[in-house]
C-alpha atoms as a PDB file:
ATOM      1  CA  MET A   1      53.807 119.632 124.756  1.00  0.00           C
ATOM      2  CA  ALA A   2      50.163 119.893 125.685  1.00  0.00           C
ATOM      3  CA  ARG A   3      48.240 116.494 126.949  1.00  0.00           C
ATOM      4  CA  SER A   4      44.695 115.923 126.652  1.00  0.00           C
ATOM      5  CA  ARG A   5      42.451 112.999 127.238  1.00  0.00           C
ATOM      6  CA  GLY A   6      45.407 110.679 126.333  1.00  0.00           C
ATOM      7  CA  LEU A   7      46.912 112.393 123.350  1.00  0.00           C
ATOM      8  CA  ARG A   8      49.966 114.105 122.776  1.00  0.00           C
ATOM      9  CA  ARG A   9      50.257 116.540 120.157  1.00  0.00           C
ATOM     10  CA  THR A  10      52.731 118.615 118.581  1.00  0.00           C
ATOM     11  CA  ASP A  11      52.550 122.577 118.943  1.00  0.00           C
ATOM     12  CA  SER A  12      51.149 122.532 115.168  1.00  0.00           C
ATOM     13  CA  ASN A  13      48.382 120.713 116.056  1.00  0.00           C
ATOM     14  CA  LEU A  14      46.955 123.219 118.055  1.00  0.00           C
ATOM     15  CA  GLN A  15      45.292 126.087 116.447  1.00  0.00           C
ATOM     16  CA  ASP A  16      46.696 126.650 112.679  1.00  0.00           C
ATOM     17  CA  PRO A  17      45.847 129.844 111.163  1.00  0.00           C
ATOM     18  CA  THR A  18      47.060 128.889 107.720  1.00  0.00           C
ATOM     19  CA  PRO A  19      44.345 128.119 104.872  1.00  0.00           C
ATOM     20  CA  PRO A  20      43.488 124.172 104.651  1.00  0.00           C
ATOM     21  CA  PRO A  21      46.003 122.061 102.560  1.00  0.00           C
ATOM     22  CA  GLU A  22      44.944 120.489  98.973  1.00  0.00           C
ATOM     23  CA  LEU A  23      45.678 117.045 100.883  1.00  0.00           C
ATOM     24  CA  SER A  24      45.858 115.604 104.344  1.00  0.00           C
ATOM     25  CA  LEU A  25      47.792 112.222 104.886  1.00  0.00           C
ATOM     26  CA  ILE A  26      46.788 110.230 107.834  1.00  0.00           C
ATOM     27  CA  ILE A  27      49.164 107.528 108.926  1.00  0.00           C
ATOM     28  CA  PRO A  28      48.599 105.132 111.756  1.00  0.00           C
ATOM     29  CA  THR A  29      51.918 104.075 113.204  1.00  0.00           C
ATOM     30  CA  PHE A  30      52.852 101.592 115.747  1.00  0.00           C
ATOM     31  CA  ASN A  31      56.670 101.202 116.520  1.00  0.00           C
ATOM     32  CA  GLU A  32      57.868 102.547 113.480  1.00  0.00           C
ATOM     33  CA  ALA A  33      60.754 104.630 114.543  1.00  0.00           C
ATOM     34  CA  GLY A  34      63.024 103.678 111.908  1.00  0.00           C
ATOM     35  CA  ASN A  35      60.733 104.434 109.120  1.00  0.00           C
ATOM     36  CA  ILE A  36      59.541 107.979 109.666  1.00  0.00           C
ATOM     37  CA  GLU A  37      62.127 109.956 108.231  1.00  0.00           C
ATOM     38  CA  PRO A  38      62.219 107.760 105.038  1.00  0.00           C
ATOM     39  CA  LEU A  39      58.536 107.721 104.519  1.00  0.00           C
ATOM     40  CA  VAL A  40      58.358 111.867 105.120  1.00  0.00           C
ATOM     41  CA  ASP A  41      61.187 112.474 102.684  1.00  0.00           C
ATOM     42  CA  ALA A  42      59.340 109.956 100.017  1.00  0.00           C
ATOM     43  CA  ILE A  43      56.082 111.949 100.661  1.00  0.00           C
ATOM     44  CA  THR A  44      57.367 115.434 100.110  1.00  0.00           C
ATOM     45  CA  SER A  45      59.516 114.246  97.201  1.00  0.00           C
ATOM     46  CA  ALA A  46      56.570 112.568  95.511  1.00  0.00           C
ATOM     47  CA  LEU A  47      54.001 115.626  96.516  1.00  0.00           C
ATOM     48  CA  SER A  48      56.111 118.149  95.791  1.00  0.00           C
ATOM     49  CA  ASP A  49      53.629 120.401  93.845  1.00  0.00           C
ATOM     50  CA  THR A  50      50.913 119.774  96.502  1.00  0.00           C
ATOM     51  CA  SER A  51      50.098 121.770  99.634  1.00  0.00           C
ATOM     52  CA  LEU A  52      49.997 119.097 102.341  1.00  0.00           C
ATOM     53  CA  GLU A  53      49.761 117.971 105.814  1.00  0.00           C
ATOM     54  CA  ILE A  54      50.765 114.686 107.597  1.00  0.00           C
ATOM     55  CA  VAL A  55      48.857 113.504 110.456  1.00  0.00           C
ATOM     56  CA  PHE A  56      50.481 110.777 112.419  1.00  0.00           C
ATOM     57  CA  ALA A  57      47.885 108.696 114.346  1.00  0.00           C
ATOM     58  CA  ASP A  58      50.571 107.039 116.978  1.00  0.00           C
ATOM     59  CA  ASP A  59      50.122 104.263 119.489  1.00  0.00           C
ATOM     60  CA  SER A  60      53.752 103.437 119.671  1.00  0.00           C
ATOM     61  CA  MET A  61      55.928 102.477 122.522  1.00  0.00           C
ATOM     62  CA  ASP A  62      59.242 102.446 121.178  1.00  0.00           C
ATOM     63  CA  GLY A  63      59.990 106.111 120.718  1.00  0.00           C
ATOM     64  CA  THR A  64      58.160 106.803 117.149  1.00  0.00           C
ATOM     65  CA  ALA A  65      56.195 109.735 118.655  1.00  0.00           C
ATOM     66  CA  ASP A  66      59.796 111.347 119.574  1.00  0.00           C
ATOM     67  CA  VAL A  67      60.923 110.915 116.120  1.00  0.00           C
ATOM     68  CA  ILE A  68      57.464 112.280 114.977  1.00  0.00           C
ATOM     69  CA  GLU A  69      57.859 115.370 117.005  1.00  0.00           C
ATOM     70  CA  ARG A  70      61.425 115.952 116.016  1.00  0.00           C
ATOM     71  CA  ALA A  71      60.166 115.760 112.476  1.00  0.00           C
ATOM     72  CA  GLY A  72      57.308 118.182 113.521  1.00  0.00           C
ATOM     73  CA  ALA A  73      59.469 120.608 115.022  1.00  0.00           C
ATOM     74  CA  ALA A  74      61.429 121.105 111.435  1.00  0.00           C
ATOM     75  CA  ASP A  75      58.192 120.991 109.444  1.00  0.00           C
ATOM     76  CA  PRO A  76      55.045 122.147 110.733  1.00  0.00           C
ATOM     77  CA  ARG A  77      53.149 119.917 108.037  1.00  0.00           C
ATOM     78  CA  ILE A  78      53.534 117.349 110.098  1.00  0.00           C
ATOM     79  CA  LYS A  79      51.291 116.631 113.130  1.00  0.00           C
ATOM     80  CA  LEU A  80      50.982 113.953 116.040  1.00  0.00           C
ATOM     81  CA  ARG A  81      48.244 112.620 117.579  1.00  0.00           C
ATOM     82  CA  HIS A  82      49.798 109.862 120.130  1.00  0.00           C
ATOM     83  CA  ARG A  83      47.382 107.551 122.463  1.00  0.00           C
ATOM     84  CA  GLU A  84      48.857 106.435 125.472  1.00  0.00           C
ATOM     85  CA  THR A  85      46.879 102.967 125.199  1.00  0.00           C
ATOM     86  CA  ARG A  86      46.706 100.626 121.899  1.00  0.00           C
ATOM     87  CA  ALA A  87      43.515 100.380 120.454  1.00  0.00           C
ATOM     88  CA  GLY A  88      44.021  99.216 116.931  1.00  0.00           C
ATOM     89  CA  LEU A  89      45.027 101.165 113.706  1.00  0.00           C
ATOM     90  CA  ALA A  90      41.466 101.611 112.475  1.00  0.00           C
ATOM     91  CA  SER A  91      40.132 103.521 115.549  1.00  0.00           C
ATOM     92  CA  ALA A  92      43.663 105.534 115.710  1.00  0.00           C
ATOM     93  CA  VAL A  93      42.633 106.685 111.954  1.00  0.00           C
ATOM     94  CA  THR A  94      38.856 107.509 113.058  1.00  0.00           C
ATOM     95  CA  GLU A  95      40.525 109.631 115.825  1.00  0.00           C
ATOM     96  CA  ALA A  96      43.031 111.543 114.038  1.00  0.00           C
ATOM     97  CA  LEU A  97      40.117 112.419 111.414  1.00  0.00           C
ATOM     98  CA  PRO A  98      39.302 115.729 113.299  1.00  0.00           C
ATOM     99  CA  ALA A  99      42.770 116.928 112.919  1.00  0.00           C
ATOM    100  CA  ALA A 100      42.788 116.623 109.184  1.00  0.00           C
ATOM    101  CA  ARG A 101      42.160 120.115 107.542  1.00  0.00           C
ATOM    102  CA  SER A 102      41.869 118.973 103.878  1.00  0.00           C
ATOM    103  CA  ASP A 103      38.739 117.401 102.666  1.00  0.00           C
ATOM    104  CA  THR A 104      40.652 115.222 100.427  1.00  0.00           C
ATOM    105  CA  ILE A 105      42.010 112.401 102.980  1.00  0.00           C
ATOM    106  CA  VAL A 106      44.914 109.515 102.052  1.00  0.00           C
ATOM    107  CA  VAL A 107      45.172 106.888 104.554  1.00  0.00           C
ATOM    108  CA  MET A 108      48.519 104.903 104.331  1.00  0.00           C
ATOM    109  CA  ASP A 109      50.509 102.748 106.379  1.00  0.00           C
ATOM    110  CA  GLY A 110      53.764 103.852 107.960  1.00  0.00           C
ATOM    111  CA  ASP A 111      56.026 100.809 107.285  1.00  0.00           C
ATOM    112  CA  LEU A 112      57.291 101.949 103.752  1.00  0.00           C
ATOM    113  CA  GLN A 113      54.749  99.008 102.170  1.00  0.00           C
ATOM    114  CA  HIS A 114      52.539 101.816 100.652  1.00  0.00           C
ATOM    115  CA  PRO A 115      54.957 103.795  97.839  1.00  0.00           C
ATOM    116  CA  PRO A 116      53.984 107.653  98.036  1.00  0.00           C
ATOM    117  CA  SER A 117      54.850 107.810  94.383  1.00  0.00           C
ATOM    118  CA  VAL A 118      51.158 106.310  93.850  1.00  0.00           C
ATOM    119  CA  ILE A 119      49.694 109.255  95.476  1.00  0.00           C
ATOM    120  CA  PRO A 120      49.675 111.759  92.434  1.00  0.00           C
ATOM    121  CA  ARG A 121      48.064 108.817  90.310  1.00  0.00           C
ATOM    122  CA  MET A 122      45.177 108.591  92.922  1.00  0.00           C
ATOM    123  CA  LEU A 123      44.729 112.272  93.283  1.00  0.00           C
ATOM    124  CA  GLN A 124      44.353 112.407  89.131  1.00  0.00           C
ATOM    125  CA  GLU A 125      41.838 109.795  89.454  1.00  0.00           C
ATOM    126  CA  ALA A 126      39.805 111.530  92.059  1.00  0.00           C
ATOM    127  CA  ARG A 127      39.691 114.718  89.956  1.00  0.00           C
ATOM    128  CA  ALA A 128      39.158 113.138  86.512  1.00  0.00           C
ATOM    129  CA  THR A 129      36.367 110.955  87.676  1.00  0.00           C
ATOM    130  CA  ASN A 130      34.822 112.793  90.578  1.00  0.00           C
ATOM    131  CA  ALA A 131      34.828 109.733  92.470  1.00  0.00           C
ATOM    132  CA  GLU A 132      34.638 109.729  96.405  1.00  0.00           C
ATOM    133  CA  MET A 133      36.996 107.276  96.806  1.00  0.00           C
ATOM    134  CA  VAL A 134      40.313 105.675  95.212  1.00  0.00           C
ATOM    135  CA  VAL A 135      41.673 102.562  96.131  1.00  0.00           C
ATOM    136  CA  ALA A 136      45.439 101.473  95.693  1.00  0.00           C
ATOM    137  CA  SER A 137      44.739  97.813  94.738  1.00  0.00           C
ATOM    138  CA  ARG A 138      47.098  94.991  94.694  1.00  0.00           C
ATOM    139  CA  TYR A 139      44.818  92.800  92.654  1.00  0.00           C
ATOM    140  CA  MET A 140      43.860  95.147  89.697  1.00  0.00           C
ATOM    141  CA  SER A 141      45.864  94.714  86.404  1.00  0.00           C
ATOM    142  CA  GLY A 142      49.361  96.080  87.249  1.00  0.00           C
ATOM    143  CA  GLY A 143      49.100  95.452  91.036  1.00  0.00           C
ATOM    144  CA  LEU A 144      51.418  93.592  93.008  1.00  0.00           C
ATOM    145  CA  GLU A 145      51.495  91.755  96.507  1.00  0.00           C
ATOM    146  CA  ILE A 146      55.373  91.646  96.972  1.00  0.00           C
ATOM    147  CA  GLY A 147      55.113  92.576 100.492  1.00  0.00           C
ATOM    148  CA  LEU A 148      52.767  89.586 101.544  1.00  0.00           C
ATOM    149  CA  SER A 149      55.708  87.211 102.584  1.00  0.00           C
ATOM    150  CA  GLY A 150      54.870  83.632 102.878  1.00  0.00           C
ATOM    151  CA  VAL A 151      52.255  81.284 101.997  1.00  0.00           C
ATOM    152  CA  TYR A 152      50.064  81.801 105.097  1.00  0.00           C
ATOM    153  CA  ARG A 153      50.079  85.795 104.658  1.00  0.00           C
ATOM    154  CA  LYS A 154      48.990  85.242 100.957  1.00  0.00           C
ATOM    155  CA  LEU A 155      46.412  82.487 101.564  1.00  0.00           C
ATOM    156  CA  ALA A 156      44.976  84.808 104.611  1.00  0.00           C
ATOM    157  CA  SER A 157      44.804  87.864 102.113  1.00  0.00           C
ATOM    158  CA  LYS A 158      42.519  85.777  99.529  1.00  0.00           C
ATOM    159  CA  PHE A 159      40.565  84.217 102.154  1.00  0.00           C
ATOM    160  CA  GLY A 160      39.939  88.013 103.703  1.00  0.00           C
ATOM    161  CA  ARG A 161      38.623  89.135 100.239  1.00  0.00           C
ATOM    162  CA  TRP A 162      36.595  86.414  99.841  1.00  0.00           C
ATOM    163  CA  ALA A 163      35.083  86.811 103.053  1.00  0.00           C
ATOM    164  CA  ALA A 164      34.423  90.500 102.531  1.00  0.00           C
ATOM    165  CA  TYR A 165      32.791  89.850  99.219  1.00  0.00           C
ATOM    166  CA  ALA A 166      30.542  87.064 100.381  1.00  0.00           C
ATOM    167  CA  ILE A 167      29.631  89.014 103.728  1.00  0.00           C
ATOM    168  CA  VAL A 168      29.626  92.766 103.115  1.00  0.00           C
ATOM    169  CA  PRO A 169      28.279  93.646  99.476  1.00  0.00           C
ATOM    170  CA  ARG A 170      29.456  96.968  99.169  1.00  0.00           C
ATOM    171  CA  SER A 171      33.099  95.642  99.502  1.00  0.00           C
ATOM    172  CA  ARG A 172      32.557  94.596  95.964  1.00  0.00           C
ATOM    173  CA  LEU A 173      32.956  98.018  94.613  1.00  0.00           C
ATOM    174  CA  THR A 174      36.625  97.797  94.881  1.00  0.00           C
ATOM    175  CA  THR A 175      39.009  94.839  94.029  1.00  0.00           C
ATOM    176  CA  ASP A 176      41.053  95.275  97.280  1.00  0.00           C
ATOM    177  CA  PRO A 177      38.822  95.672 100.122  1.00  0.00           C
ATOM    178  CA  LEU A 178      41.757  94.925 102.517  1.00  0.00           C
ATOM    179  CA  SER A 179      43.735  97.876 101.257  1.00  0.00           C
ATOM    180  CA  GLY A 180      45.344 100.180 103.860  1.00  0.00           C
ATOM    181  CA  PHE A 181      45.916 102.838 101.185  1.00  0.00           C
ATOM    182  CA  PHE A 182      43.131 104.963  99.931  1.00  0.00           C
ATOM    183  CA  LEU A 183      41.848 108.386  99.207  1.00  0.00           C
ATOM    184  CA  PHE A 184      38.391 109.680 100.059  1.00  0.00           C
ATOM    185  CA  ARG A 185      36.451 112.836 100.787  1.00  0.00           C
ATOM    186  CA  LYS A 186      36.352 113.439 104.338  1.00  0.00           C
ATOM    187  CA  SER A 187      32.737 114.907 103.760  1.00  0.00           C
ATOM    188  CA  ILE A 188      31.278 111.524 102.996  1.00  0.00           C
ATOM    189  CA  LEU A 189      31.779 110.912 106.432  1.00  0.00           C
ATOM    190  CA  ASP A 190      29.292 113.661 107.685  1.00  0.00           C
ATOM    191  CA  GLY A 191      26.997 112.131 110.367  1.00  0.00           C
ATOM    192  CA  ALA A 192      28.639 108.478 110.163  1.00  0.00           C
ATOM    193  CA  ASP A 193      29.082 106.477 112.939  1.00  0.00           C
ATOM    194  CA  LEU A 194      32.319 104.878 112.525  1.00  0.00           C
ATOM    195  CA  ARG A 195      32.785 101.783 114.798  1.00  0.00           C
ATOM    196  CA  PRO A 196      36.092 100.193 113.625  1.00  0.00           C
ATOM    197  CA  ILE A 197      37.376  97.036 115.077  1.00  0.00           C
ATOM    198  CA  GLY A 198      41.307  96.037 114.370  1.00  0.00           C
ATOM    199  CA  TYR A 199      42.868  97.049 111.258  1.00  0.00           C
ATOM    200  CA  LYS A 200      40.843  97.363 108.286  1.00  0.00           C
ATOM    201  CA  ILE A 201      39.879 101.020 108.292  1.00  0.00           C
ATOM    202  CA  LEU A 202      38.589 101.078 104.535  1.00  0.00           C
ATOM    203  CA  LEU A 203      35.570  98.907 104.666  1.00  0.00           C
ATOM    204  CA  GLU A 204      34.516 100.950 107.719  1.00  0.00           C
ATOM    205  CA  VAL A 205      34.594 104.050 105.640  1.00  0.00           C
ATOM    206  CA  LEU A 206      33.200 102.308 102.384  1.00  0.00           C
ATOM    207  CA  VAL A 207      30.232 100.913 104.170  1.00  0.00           C
ATOM    208  CA  ARG A 208      29.496 103.725 106.665  1.00  0.00           C
ATOM    209  CA  GLY A 209      30.183 106.486 104.402  1.00  0.00           C
ATOM    210  CA  GLN A 210      28.187 108.013 101.779  1.00  0.00           C
ATOM    211  CA  VAL A 211      29.918 106.674  98.634  1.00  0.00           C
ATOM    212  CA  ASP A 212      28.513 105.997  95.162  1.00  0.00           C
ATOM    213  CA  LEU A 213      31.638 105.816  93.176  1.00  0.00           C
ATOM    214  CA  VAL A 214      34.748 103.772  93.604  1.00  0.00           C
ATOM    215  CA  ARG A 215      37.984 103.811  91.558  1.00  0.00           C
ATOM    216  CA  ASP A 216      40.815 101.424  91.844  1.00  0.00           C
ATOM    217  CA  VAL A 217      44.579 102.265  90.804  1.00  0.00           C
ATOM    218  CA  PRO A 218      47.056  99.431  90.770  1.00  0.00           C
ATOM    219  CA  PHE A 219      50.331  99.511  93.250  1.00  0.00           C
ATOM    220  CA  HIS A 220      53.199  97.199  94.113  1.00  0.00           C
ATOM    221  CA  PHE A 221      52.653  96.224  97.727  1.00  0.00           C
ATOM    222  CA  GLN A 222      56.250  96.788  99.134  1.00  0.00           C
ATOM    223  CA  ALA A 223      58.491  94.513 101.413  1.00  0.00           C
ATOM    224  CA  ARG A 224      59.009  96.178 104.626  1.00  0.00           C
ATOM    225  CA  ALA A 225      62.169  97.847 105.256  1.00  0.00           C
ATOM    226  CA  HIS A 226      62.156  98.062 108.769  1.00  0.00           C
ATOM    227  CA  GLU A 227      60.104  96.761 112.224  1.00  0.00           C
ATOM    228  CA  GLU A 228      58.090  93.896 111.743  1.00  0.00           C
ATOM    229  CA  SER A 229      54.378  93.077 110.522  1.00  0.00           C
ATOM    230  CA  LYS A 230      51.652  93.636 113.171  1.00  0.00           C
ATOM    231  CA  ALA A 231      49.313  90.773 111.590  1.00  0.00           C
ATOM    232  CA  SER A 232      48.365  88.109 114.072  1.00  0.00           C
ATOM    233  CA  LEU A 233      45.571  85.606 114.643  1.00  0.00           C
ATOM    234  CA  ILE A 234      43.909  88.339 117.029  1.00  0.00           C
ATOM    235  CA  GLU A 235      43.734  90.772 114.168  1.00  0.00           C
ATOM    236  CA  GLY A 236      42.309  87.960 111.940  1.00  0.00           C
ATOM    237  CA  ILE A 237      39.596  87.591 114.614  1.00  0.00           C
ATOM    238  CA  ASN A 238      38.879  90.980 114.729  1.00  0.00           C
ATOM    239  CA  TYR A 239      38.360  91.199 110.903  1.00  0.00           C
ATOM    240  CA  ILE A 240      35.785  88.504 110.797  1.00  0.00           C
ATOM    241  CA  ARG A 241      34.031  90.340 113.869  1.00  0.00           C
ATOM    242  CA  GLN A 242      34.043  93.590 111.941  1.00  0.00           C
ATOM    243  CA  LEU A 243      32.624  91.740 108.580  1.00  0.00           C
ATOM    244  CA  PHE A 244      29.694  90.619 110.364  1.00  0.00           C
ATOM    245  CA  ARG A 245      29.303  93.998 112.419  1.00  0.00           C
ATOM    246  CA  LEU A 246      29.122  95.738 108.870  1.00  0.00           C
ATOM    247  CA  ARG A 247      26.722  93.284 107.442  1.00  0.00           C
ATOM    248  CA  GLY A 248      24.485  94.294 110.138  1.00  0.00           C
END
């Protein structure tokens, strides 16, 4: 198992001689050991007709990295980038981007709240419209926010959308600027200076990338099956900091 600059990788992350896949999934994880196997099963079932790779961007301390490595030993399409120090979901995705070999990237959470069954529709929408980004939205017609448990989280989500629309005009290109489930072309980030804070990587890509057309598809944000939500007051503060940084 190779170690370099605090990153632990499975062997399949080193030099892959196979052609690039049609799709690279980047999945940030933090203490999601119980979710990895069902998530991989759901992804491979939903995308059985698509060549793909799954890059886990892991900051965990609970053995999640070991579960991913075992999955990667059985399936070379599964890759691990593990950081020894936690620095936030958004930066985990940014640091995993070089490991993704396809120009078509899907970012999704590892907590089973983002159903992989939506990804084929996202791919279809991108191909049909030539959009640089497709966002899975809880807030367009047909979408639901089932996984936002409690009044506080629902109010926080509504405030977050309002704040994004008010402070960062480009956030209005989508009905769900706080979504963590989206597809984009890796090439839109050529030359981009990504400097994310906290959890909201979509806004960073939307503002700093070369994005002209964004399309939304509805999805049902699911309740968590395992582990606990990582939402916190600190992450809320980081989100506001990120909005003002992106405005500038």
